PDB file of N, CA and C in Angstrom:
ATOM      1  N   UNK A   1     -14.165   6.829  -7.498  1.00  0.00           N
ATOM      2  CA  UNK A   1     -13.171   7.309  -6.577  1.00  0.00           C
ATOM      3  C   UNK A   1     -13.575   8.705  -6.138  1.00  0.00           C
ATOM      4  N   UNK A   2     -13.552   8.920  -4.852  1.00  0.00           N
ATOM      5  CA  UNK A   2     -13.879  10.221  -4.285  1.00  0.00           C
ATOM      6  C   UNK A   2     -12.593  10.804  -3.715  1.00  0.00           C
ATOM      7  N   UNK A   3     -11.896  11.582  -4.519  1.00  0.00           N
ATOM      8  CA  UNK A   3     -10.612  12.126  -4.084  1.00  0.00           C
ATOM      9  C   UNK A   3     -10.378  13.478  -4.747  1.00  0.00           C
ATOM     10  N   UNK A   4      -9.541  14.265  -4.104  1.00  0.00           N
ATOM     11  CA  UNK A   4      -9.120  15.538  -4.679  1.00  0.00           C
ATOM     12  C   UNK A   4      -8.046  15.237  -5.727  1.00  0.00           C
ATOM     13  N   UNK A   5      -8.285  15.607  -6.982  1.00  0.00           N
ATOM     14  CA  UNK A   5      -7.335  15.256  -8.049  1.00  0.00           C
ATOM     15  C   UNK A   5      -5.909  15.734  -7.778  1.00  0.00           C
ATOM     16  N   UNK A   6      -5.746  16.900  -7.173  1.00  0.00           N
ATOM     17  CA  UNK A   6      -4.395  17.400  -6.928  1.00  0.00           C
ATOM     18  C   UNK A   6      -3.677  16.571  -5.862  1.00  0.00           C
ATOM     19  N   UNK A   7      -4.418  16.032  -4.883  1.00  0.00           N
ATOM     20  CA  UNK A   7      -3.787  15.160  -3.897  1.00  0.00           C
ATOM     21  C   UNK A   7      -3.416  13.811  -4.509  1.00  0.00           C
ATOM     22  N   UNK A   8      -4.281  13.303  -5.371  1.00  0.00           N
ATOM     23  CA  UNK A   8      -3.972  12.048  -6.068  1.00  0.00           C
ATOM     24  C   UNK A   8      -2.725  12.244  -6.930  1.00  0.00           C
ATOM     25  N   UNK A   9      -2.699  13.319  -7.700  1.00  0.00           N
ATOM     26  CA  UNK A   9      -1.543  13.591  -8.563  1.00  0.00           C
ATOM     27  C   UNK A   9      -0.275  13.763  -7.734  1.00  0.00           C
ATOM     28  N   UNK A  10      -0.361  14.489  -6.637  1.00  0.00           N
ATOM     29  CA  UNK A  10       0.817  14.721  -5.788  1.00  0.00           C
ATOM     30  C   UNK A  10       1.358  13.418  -5.223  1.00  0.00           C
ATOM     31  N   UNK A  11       0.474  12.555  -4.753  1.00  0.00           N
ATOM     32  CA  UNK A  11       0.950  11.305  -4.160  1.00  0.00           C
ATOM     33  C   UNK A  11       1.440  10.315  -5.214  1.00  0.00           C
ATOM     34  N   UNK A  12       0.804  10.292  -6.379  1.00  0.00           N
ATOM     35  CA  UNK A  12       1.277   9.406  -7.450  1.00  0.00           C
ATOM     36  C   UNK A  12       2.671   9.844  -7.907  1.00  0.00           C
ATOM     37  N   UNK A  13       2.836  11.135  -8.136  1.00  0.00           N
ATOM     38  CA  UNK A  13       4.153  11.636  -8.551  1.00  0.00           C
ATOM     39  C   UNK A  13       5.199  11.421  -7.459  1.00  0.00           C
ATOM     40  N   UNK A  14       4.825  11.627  -6.201  1.00  0.00           N
ATOM     41  CA  UNK A  14       5.759  11.385  -5.097  1.00  0.00           C
ATOM     42  C   UNK A  14       6.119   9.900  -5.023  1.00  0.00           C
ATOM     43  N   UNK A  15       5.150   9.033  -5.283  1.00  0.00           N
ATOM     44  CA  UNK A  15       5.411   7.594  -5.281  1.00  0.00           C
ATOM     45  C   UNK A  15       6.368   7.189  -6.392  1.00  0.00           C
ATOM     46  N   UNK A  16       6.166   7.757  -7.561  1.00  0.00           N
ATOM     47  CA  UNK A  16       7.075   7.473  -8.683  1.00  0.00           C
ATOM     48  C   UNK A  16       8.487   7.945  -8.345  1.00  0.00           C
ATOM     49  N   UNK A  17       8.582   9.149  -7.835  1.00  0.00           N
ATOM     50  CA  UNK A  17       9.886   9.713  -7.453  1.00  0.00           C
ATOM     51  C   UNK A  17      10.556   8.847  -6.389  1.00  0.00           C
ATOM     52  N   UNK A  18       9.791   8.470  -5.376  1.00  0.00           N
ATOM     53  CA  UNK A  18      10.319   7.641  -4.284  1.00  0.00           C
ATOM     54  C   UNK A  18      10.828   6.300  -4.822  1.00  0.00           C
ATOM     55  N   UNK A  19      10.048   5.676  -5.691  1.00  0.00           N
ATOM     56  CA  UNK A  19      10.447   4.395  -6.259  1.00  0.00           C
ATOM     57  C   UNK A  19      11.697   4.483  -7.106  1.00  0.00           C
ATOM     58  N   UNK A  20      11.778   5.522  -7.935  1.00  0.00           N
ATOM     59  CA  UNK A  20      12.962   5.697  -8.786  1.00  0.00           C
ATOM     60  C   UNK A  20      14.194   6.047  -7.957  1.00  0.00           C
ATOM     61  N   UNK A  21      14.023   6.960  -7.012  1.00  0.00           N
ATOM     62  CA  UNK A  21      15.145   7.418  -6.179  1.00  0.00           C
ATOM     63  C   UNK A  21      15.728   6.264  -5.360  1.00  0.00           C
ATOM     64  N   UNK A  22      14.857   5.419  -4.822  1.00  0.00           N
ATOM     65  CA  UNK A  22      15.306   4.319  -3.963  1.00  0.00           C
ATOM     66  C   UNK A  22      15.451   2.998  -4.699  1.00  0.00           C
ATOM     67  N   UNK A  23      15.266   3.032  -6.030  1.00  0.00           N
ATOM     68  CA  UNK A  23      15.409   1.839  -6.870  1.00  0.00           C
ATOM     69  C   UNK A  23      14.591   0.668  -6.318  1.00  0.00           C
ATOM     70  N   UNK A  24      13.329   0.949  -6.024  1.00  0.00           N
ATOM     71  CA  UNK A  24      12.433  -0.060  -5.453  1.00  0.00           C
ATOM     72  C   UNK A  24      11.839  -0.920  -6.571  1.00  0.00           C
ATOM     73  N   UNK A  25      11.946  -2.220  -6.394  1.00  0.00           N
ATOM     74  CA  UNK A  25      11.343  -3.154  -7.336  1.00  0.00           C
ATOM     75  C   UNK A  25       9.851  -3.216  -7.046  1.00  0.00           C
ATOM     76  N   UNK A  26       8.998  -2.877  -8.001  1.00  0.00           N
ATOM     77  CA  UNK A  26       7.561  -2.881  -7.736  1.00  0.00           C
ATOM     78  C   UNK A  26       6.961  -4.274  -7.596  1.00  0.00           C
ATOM     79  N   UNK A  27       7.741  -5.292  -7.869  1.00  0.00           N
ATOM     80  CA  UNK A  27       7.226  -6.658  -7.762  1.00  0.00           C
ATOM     81  C   UNK A  27       6.455  -7.045  -9.002  1.00  0.00           C
ATOM     82  N   UNK A  28       5.884  -8.230  -8.971  1.00  0.00           N
ATOM     83  CA  UNK A  28       5.169  -8.717 -10.147  1.00  0.00           C
ATOM     84  C   UNK A  28       3.844  -7.974 -10.345  1.00  0.00           C
ATOM     85  N   UNK A  29       3.370  -7.981 -11.562  1.00  0.00           N
ATOM     86  CA  UNK A  29       2.085  -7.388 -11.915  1.00  0.00           C
ATOM     87  C   UNK A  29       0.959  -8.094 -11.155  1.00  0.00           C
ATOM     88  N   UNK A  30       0.020  -7.313 -10.659  1.00  0.00           N
ATOM     89  CA  UNK A  30      -1.159  -7.892 -10.012  1.00  0.00           C
ATOM     90  C   UNK A  30      -2.179  -8.207 -11.090  1.00  0.00           C
ATOM     91  N   UNK A  31      -2.626  -9.434 -11.136  1.00  0.00           N
ATOM     92  CA  UNK A  31      -3.633  -9.839 -12.111  1.00  0.00           C
ATOM     93  C   UNK A  31      -4.879 -10.260 -11.353  1.00  0.00           C
ATOM     94  N   UNK A  32      -6.034  -9.956 -11.909  1.00  0.00           N
ATOM     95  CA  UNK A  32      -7.279 -10.320 -11.256  1.00  0.00           C
ATOM     96  C   UNK A  32      -7.624  -9.341 -10.147  1.00  0.00           C
ATOM     97  N   UNK A  33      -8.281  -9.829  -9.113  1.00  0.00           N
ATOM     98  CA  UNK A  33      -8.733  -9.007  -7.999  1.00  0.00           C
ATOM     99  C   UNK A  33      -7.601  -8.812  -6.999  1.00  0.00           C
ATOM    100  N   UNK A  34      -7.064  -7.606  -6.926  1.00  0.00           N
ATOM    101  CA  UNK A  34      -5.959  -7.300  -6.031  1.00  0.00           C
ATOM    102  C   UNK A  34      -6.316  -7.414  -4.565  1.00  0.00           C
ATOM    103  N   UNK A  35      -7.620  -7.371  -4.252  1.00  0.00           N
ATOM    104  CA  UNK A  35      -8.064  -7.490  -2.866  1.00  0.00           C
ATOM    105  C   UNK A  35      -8.056  -8.930  -2.374  1.00  0.00           C
ATOM    106  N   UNK A  36      -7.897  -9.882  -3.261  1.00  0.00           N
ATOM    107  CA  UNK A  36      -7.912 -11.289  -2.881  1.00  0.00           C
ATOM    108  C   UNK A  36      -6.510 -11.821  -2.616  1.00  0.00           C
ATOM    109  N   UNK A  37      -5.627 -10.968  -2.140  1.00  0.00           N
ATOM    110  CA  UNK A  37      -4.251 -11.357  -1.870  1.00  0.00           C
ATOM    111  C   UNK A  37      -4.063 -12.035  -0.533  1.00  0.00           C
ATOM    112  N   UNK A  38      -5.123 -12.172   0.242  1.00  0.00           N
ATOM    113  CA  UNK A  38      -5.024 -12.831   1.540  1.00  0.00           C
ATOM    114  C   UNK A  38      -4.460 -11.909   2.597  1.00  0.00           C
ATOM    115  N   UNK A  39      -3.929 -12.501   3.644  1.00  0.00           N
ATOM    116  CA  UNK A  39      -3.409 -11.758   4.794  1.00  0.00           C
ATOM    117  C   UNK A  39      -2.262 -10.817   4.416  1.00  0.00           C
ATOM    118  N   UNK A  40      -1.479 -11.180   3.421  1.00  0.00           N
ATOM    119  CA  UNK A  40      -0.310 -10.393   3.049  1.00  0.00           C
ATOM    120  C   UNK A  40      -0.609  -9.311   2.022  1.00  0.00           C
ATOM    121  N   UNK A  41      -1.880  -9.116   1.680  1.00  0.00           N
ATOM    122  CA  UNK A  41      -2.235  -8.123   0.666  1.00  0.00           C
ATOM    123  C   UNK A  41      -1.841  -6.727   1.148  1.00  0.00           C
ATOM    124  N   UNK A  42      -1.260  -5.948   0.242  1.00  0.00           N
ATOM    125  CA  UNK A  42      -0.815  -4.606   0.587  1.00  0.00           C
ATOM    126  C   UNK A  42      -1.944  -3.588   0.480  1.00  0.00           C
ATOM    127  N   UNK A  43      -3.066  -3.980  -0.084  1.00  0.00           N
ATOM    128  CA  UNK A  43      -4.179  -3.059  -0.287  1.00  0.00           C
ATOM    129  C   UNK A  43      -5.152  -3.179   0.884  1.00  0.00           C
ATOM    130  N   UNK A  44      -5.419  -2.062   1.594  1.00  0.00           N
ATOM    131  CA  UNK A  44      -6.424  -2.130   2.671  1.00  0.00           C
ATOM    132  C   UNK A  44      -7.774  -2.552   2.105  1.00  0.00           C
ATOM    133  N   UNK A  45      -8.501  -3.375   2.853  1.00  0.00           N
ATOM    134  CA  UNK A  45      -9.757  -3.917   2.340  1.00  0.00           C
ATOM    135  C   UNK A  45     -10.974  -3.083   2.700  1.00  0.00           C
ATOM    136  N   UNK A  46     -10.811  -2.096   3.568  1.00  0.00           N
ATOM    137  CA  UNK A  46     -11.936  -1.219   3.882  1.00  0.00           C
ATOM    138  C   UNK A  46     -11.433   0.189   4.203  1.00  0.00           C
ATOM    139  N   UNK A  47     -12.373   1.094   4.342  1.00  0.00           N
ATOM    140  CA  UNK A  47     -12.066   2.505   4.525  1.00  0.00           C
ATOM    141  C   UNK A  47     -11.282   2.737   5.827  1.00  0.00           C
ATOM    142  N   UNK A  48     -11.695   2.089   6.912  1.00  0.00           N
ATOM    143  CA  UNK A  48     -11.022   2.271   8.200  1.00  0.00           C
ATOM    144  C   UNK A  48      -9.564   1.824   8.116  1.00  0.00           C
ATOM    145  N   UNK A  49      -9.327   0.670   7.504  1.00  0.00           N
ATOM    146  CA  UNK A  49      -7.955   0.175   7.371  1.00  0.00           C
ATOM    147  C   UNK A  49      -7.105   1.101   6.502  1.00  0.00           C
ATOM    148  N   UNK A  50      -7.718   1.684   5.467  1.00  0.00           N
ATOM    149  CA  UNK A  50      -6.990   2.614   4.599  1.00  0.00           C
ATOM    150  C   UNK A  50      -6.597   3.873   5.369  1.00  0.00           C
ATOM    151  N   UNK A  51      -7.490   4.373   6.207  1.00  0.00           N
ATOM    152  CA  UNK A  51      -7.183   5.561   7.009  1.00  0.00           C
ATOM    153  C   UNK A  51      -6.054   5.259   7.988  1.00  0.00           C
ATOM    154  N   UNK A  52      -6.117   4.099   8.645  1.00  0.00           N
ATOM    155  CA  UNK A  52      -5.059   3.719   9.587  1.00  0.00           C
ATOM    156  C   UNK A  52      -3.714   3.563   8.871  1.00  0.00           C
ATOM    157  N   UNK A  53      -3.738   2.978   7.690  1.00  0.00           N
ATOM    158  CA  UNK A  53      -2.501   2.835   6.913  1.00  0.00           C
ATOM    159  C   UNK A  53      -1.954   4.206   6.534  1.00  0.00           C
ATOM    160  N   UNK A  54      -2.835   5.125   6.144  1.00  0.00           N
ATOM    161  CA  UNK A  54      -2.409   6.478   5.773  1.00  0.00           C
ATOM    162  C   UNK A  54      -1.824   7.212   6.977  1.00  0.00           C
ATOM    163  N   UNK A  55      -2.450   7.053   8.140  1.00  0.00           N
ATOM    164  CA  UNK A  55      -1.941   7.700   9.357  1.00  0.00           C
ATOM    165  C   UNK A  55      -0.529   7.239   9.688  1.00  0.00           C
ATOM    166  N   UNK A  56      -0.260   5.959   9.483  1.00  0.00           N
ATOM    167  CA  UNK A  56       1.044   5.398   9.822  1.00  0.00           C
ATOM    168  C   UNK A  56       2.072   5.441   8.709  1.00  0.00           C
ATOM    169  N   UNK A  57       1.730   6.064   7.591  1.00  0.00           N
ATOM    170  CA  UNK A  57       2.622   6.056   6.429  1.00  0.00           C
ATOM    171  C   UNK A  57       3.651   7.184   6.474  1.00  0.00           C
ATOM    172  N   UNK A  58       4.906   6.811   6.676  1.00  0.00           N
ATOM    173  CA  UNK A  58       5.988   7.800   6.632  1.00  0.00           C
ATOM    174  C   UNK A  58       6.100   8.391   5.220  1.00  0.00           C
ATOM    175  N   UNK A  59       5.866   7.550   4.208  1.00  0.00           N
ATOM    176  CA  UNK A  59       5.917   8.028   2.825  1.00  0.00           C
ATOM    177  C   UNK A  59       4.878   9.124   2.598  1.00  0.00           C
ATOM    178  N   UNK A  60       3.623   8.877   3.013  1.00  0.00           N
ATOM    179  CA  UNK A  60       2.562   9.851   2.787  1.00  0.00           C
ATOM    180  C   UNK A  60       2.826  11.133   3.564  1.00  0.00           C
ATOM    181  N   UNK A  61       3.372  11.004   4.769  1.00  0.00           N
ATOM    182  CA  UNK A  61       3.706  12.174   5.577  1.00  0.00           C
ATOM    183  C   UNK A  61       4.761  13.024   4.868  1.00  0.00           C
ATOM    184  N   UNK A  62       5.732  12.367   4.282  1.00  0.00           N
ATOM    185  CA  UNK A  62       6.774  13.100   3.548  1.00  0.00           C
ATOM    186  C   UNK A  62       6.223  13.695   2.252  1.00  0.00           C
ATOM    187  N   UNK A  63       5.382  12.936   1.553  1.00  0.00           N
ATOM    188  CA  UNK A  63       4.849  13.394   0.266  1.00  0.00           C
ATOM    189  C   UNK A  63       3.925  14.590   0.419  1.00  0.00           C
ATOM    190  N   UNK A  64       3.077  14.572   1.442  1.00  0.00           N
ATOM    191  CA  UNK A  64       2.107  15.658   1.633  1.00  0.00           C
ATOM    192  C   UNK A  64       2.619  16.761   2.552  1.00  0.00           C
ATOM    193  N   UNK A  65       3.612  16.456   3.327  1.00  0.00           N
ATOM    194  CA  UNK A  65       4.043  17.383   4.368  1.00  0.00           C
ATOM    195  C   UNK A  65       3.304  17.043   5.647  1.00  0.00           C
ATOM    196  N   UNK A  66       3.947  17.291   6.772  1.00  0.00           N
ATOM    197  CA  UNK A  66       3.380  16.867   8.057  1.00  0.00           C
ATOM    198  C   UNK A  66       2.016  17.493   8.347  1.00  0.00           C
ATOM    199  N   UNK A  67       1.863  18.794   8.084  1.00  0.00           N
ATOM    200  CA  UNK A  67       0.588  19.465   8.367  1.00  0.00           C
ATOM    201  C   UNK A  67      -0.540  18.932   7.488  1.00  0.00           C
ATOM    202  N   UNK A  68      -0.278  18.798   6.181  1.00  0.00           N
ATOM    203  CA  UNK A  68      -1.317  18.307   5.267  1.00  0.00           C
ATOM    204  C   UNK A  68      -1.661  16.855   5.582  1.00  0.00           C
ATOM    205  N   UNK A  69      -0.665  16.051   5.911  1.00  0.00           N
ATOM    206  CA  UNK A  69      -0.882  14.654   6.277  1.00  0.00           C
ATOM    207  C   UNK A  69      -1.792  14.565   7.498  1.00  0.00           C
ATOM    208  N   UNK A  70      -1.483  15.317   8.532  1.00  0.00           N
ATOM    209  CA  UNK A  70      -2.291  15.305   9.748  1.00  0.00           C
ATOM    210  C   UNK A  70      -3.724  15.771   9.458  1.00  0.00           C
ATOM    211  N   UNK A  71      -3.844  16.857   8.685  1.00  0.00           N
ATOM    212  CA  UNK A  71      -5.166  17.393   8.359  1.00  0.00           C
ATOM    213  C   UNK A  71      -5.960  16.412   7.512  1.00  0.00           C
ATOM    214  N   UNK A  72      -5.339  15.868   6.482  1.00  0.00           N
ATOM    215  CA  UNK A  72      -6.016  14.937   5.578  1.00  0.00           C
ATOM    216  C   UNK A  72      -6.524  13.704   6.324  1.00  0.00           C
ATOM    217  N   UNK A  73      -5.656  13.091   7.129  1.00  0.00           N
ATOM    218  CA  UNK A  73      -6.072  11.874   7.827  1.00  0.00           C
ATOM    219  C   UNK A  73      -7.128  12.175   8.898  1.00  0.00           C
ATOM    220  N   UNK A  74      -7.061  13.340   9.524  1.00  0.00           N
ATOM    221  CA  UNK A  74      -8.082  13.722  10.512  1.00  0.00           C
ATOM    222  C   UNK A  74      -9.438  13.918   9.838  1.00  0.00           C
ATOM    223  N   UNK A  75      -9.448  14.560   8.677  1.00  0.00           N
ATOM    224  CA  UNK A  75     -10.697  14.768   7.935  1.00  0.00           C
ATOM    225  C   UNK A  75     -11.285  13.427   7.511  1.00  0.00           C
ATOM    226  N   UNK A  76     -10.459  12.541   6.987  1.00  0.00           N
ATOM    227  CA  UNK A  76     -10.951  11.237   6.552  1.00  0.00           C
ATOM    228  C   UNK A  76     -11.478  10.420   7.732  1.00  0.00           C
ATOM    229  N   UNK A  77     -10.812  10.499   8.883  1.00  0.00           N
ATOM    230  CA  UNK A  77     -11.289   9.791  10.075  1.00  0.00           C
ATOM    231  C   UNK A  77     -12.636  10.354  10.530  1.00  0.00           C
ATOM    232  N   UNK A  78     -12.807  11.669  10.471  1.00  0.00           N
ATOM    233  CA  UNK A  78     -14.083  12.293  10.849  1.00  0.00           C
ATOM    234  C   UNK A  78     -15.189  11.906   9.871  1.00  0.00           C
ATOM    235  N   UNK A  79     -14.878  11.878   8.578  1.00  0.00           N
ATOM    236  CA  UNK A  79     -15.867  11.451   7.577  1.00  0.00           C
ATOM    237  C   UNK A  79     -16.284  10.002   7.819  1.00  0.00           C
ATOM    238  N   UNK A  80     -15.320   9.155   8.108  1.00  0.00           N
ATOM    239  CA  UNK A  80     -15.609   7.747   8.376  1.00  0.00           C
ATOM    240  C   UNK A  80     -16.512   7.609   9.599  1.00  0.00           C
ATOM    241  N   UNK A  81     -16.195   8.349  10.660  1.00  0.00           N
ATOM    242  CA  UNK A  81     -17.006   8.293  11.875  1.00  0.00           C
ATOM    243  C   UNK A  81     -18.444   8.736  11.594  1.00  0.00           C
ATOM    244  N   UNK A  82     -18.606   9.751  10.774  1.00  0.00           N
ATOM    245  CA  UNK A  82     -19.950  10.225  10.434  1.00  0.00           C
ATOM    246  C   UNK A  82     -20.728   9.164   9.650  1.00  0.00           C
ATOM    247  N   UNK A  83     -20.080   8.543   8.700  1.00  0.00           N
ATOM    248  CA  UNK A  83     -20.734   7.494   7.912  1.00  0.00           C
ATOM    249  C   UNK A  83     -21.126   6.321   8.815  1.00  0.00           C
ATOM    250  N   UNK A  84     -20.273   5.949   9.746  1.00  0.00           N
ATOM    251  CA  UNK A  84     -20.561   4.823  10.631  1.00  0.00           C
ATOM    252  C   UNK A  84     -21.717   5.112  11.594  1.00  0.00           C
ATOM    253  N   UNK A  85     -21.988   6.388  11.866  1.00  0.00           N
ATOM    254  CA  UNK A  85     -23.109   6.759  12.739  1.00  0.00           C
ATOM    255  C   UNK A  85     -24.428   6.852  11.986  1.00  0.00           C
ATOM    256  N   UNK A  86     -24.381   6.740  10.671  1.00  0.00           N
ATOM    257  CA  UNK A  86     -25.564   6.912   9.836  1.00  0.00           C
ATOM    258  C   UNK A  86     -26.230   5.563   9.563  1.00  0.00           C
ATOM    259  N   UNK A  87     -27.542   5.534   9.738  1.00  0.00           N
ATOM    260  CA  UNK A  87     -28.311   4.335   9.383  1.00  0.00           C
ATOM    261  C   UNK A  87     -28.852   4.561   7.971  1.00  0.00           C
ATOM    262  N   UNK A  88     -28.456   3.698   7.070  1.00  0.00           N
ATOM    263  CA  UNK A  88     -28.835   3.872   5.666  1.00  0.00           C
ATOM    264  C   UNK A  88     -30.280   3.452   5.416  1.00  0.00           C
ATOM    265  N   UNK A  89     -30.828   3.902   4.299  1.00  0.00           N
ATOM    266  CA  UNK A  89     -32.177   3.494   3.900  1.00  0.00           C
ATOM    267  C   UNK A  89     -32.255   1.984   3.691  1.00  0.00           C
ATOM    268  N   UNK A  90     -31.176   1.408   3.201  1.00  0.00           N
ATOM    269  CA  UNK A  90     -31.146  -0.043   2.991  1.00  0.00           C
ATOM    270  C   UNK A  90     -31.335  -0.760   4.326  1.00  0.00           C
ATOM    271  N   UNK A  91     -30.633  -0.277   5.376  1.00  0.00           N
ATOM    272  CA  UNK A  91     -30.791  -0.892   6.693  1.00  0.00           C
ATOM    273  C   UNK A  91     -32.223  -0.758   7.203  1.00  0.00           C
ATOM    274  N   UNK A  92     -32.794   0.435   7.039  1.00  0.00           N
ATOM    275  CA  UNK A  92     -34.194   0.619   7.431  1.00  0.00           C
ATOM    276  C   UNK A  92     -35.094  -0.370   6.691  1.00  0.00           C
ATOM    277  N   UNK A  93     -34.924  -0.430   5.379  1.00  0.00           N
ATOM    278  CA  UNK A  93     -35.777  -1.302   4.560  1.00  0.00           C
ATOM    279  C   UNK A  93     -35.608  -2.775   4.911  1.00  0.00           C
ATOM    280  N   UNK A  94     -34.362  -3.184   5.135  1.00  0.00           N
ATOM    281  CA  UNK A  94     -34.094  -4.605   5.398  1.00  0.00           C
ATOM    282  C   UNK A  94     -34.506  -5.038   6.797  1.00  0.00           C
ATOM    283  N   UNK A  95     -34.288  -4.183   7.779  1.00  0.00           N
ATOM    284  CA  UNK A  95     -34.437  -4.628   9.155  1.00  0.00           C
ATOM    285  C   UNK A  95     -35.588  -4.005   9.923  1.00  0.00           C
ATOM    286  N   UNK A  96     -35.790  -2.717   9.803  1.00  0.00           N
ATOM    287  CA  UNK A  96     -36.806  -2.051  10.607  1.00  0.00           C
ATOM    288  C   UNK A  96     -38.217  -2.501  10.259  1.00  0.00           C
ATOM    289  N   UNK A  97     -38.500  -2.574   8.975  1.00  0.00           N
ATOM    290  CA  UNK A  97     -39.857  -2.893   8.554  1.00  0.00           C
ATOM    291  C   UNK A  97     -40.158  -4.383   8.506  1.00  0.00           C
ATOM    292  N   UNK A  98     -39.151  -5.213   8.639  1.00  0.00           N
ATOM    293  CA  UNK A  98     -39.389  -6.663   8.588  1.00  0.00           C
ATOM    294  C   UNK A  98     -39.384  -7.293   9.968  1.00  0.00           C
ATOM    295  N   UNK A  99     -38.996  -6.550  10.977  1.00  0.00           N
ATOM    296  CA  UNK A  99     -38.927  -7.092  12.341  1.00  0.00           C
ATOM    297  C   UNK A  99     -40.240  -6.883  13.052  1.00  0.00           C
TER     298      UNK A  99
END
């Protein structure tokens, strides 16, 4: 996991508080691979989907504050864009030298 520990702690604690305050039922325990939940899975399956979910999250905006939420999601979107523009060594090895 590549995350700032204080942001992880802040959002986990805010999530616990939100759940207790609103008496939210967390649902059944997830067993096995949580990503194999199909179309209704609550877990984003890739980095882009996670960023979009974070951008649209009223909970995250409240937990981090509007300024931090905007800054955090903008930074993550910029990091994602940079990674998507990068050609990895694996791609070079697999495709460039075999074509």
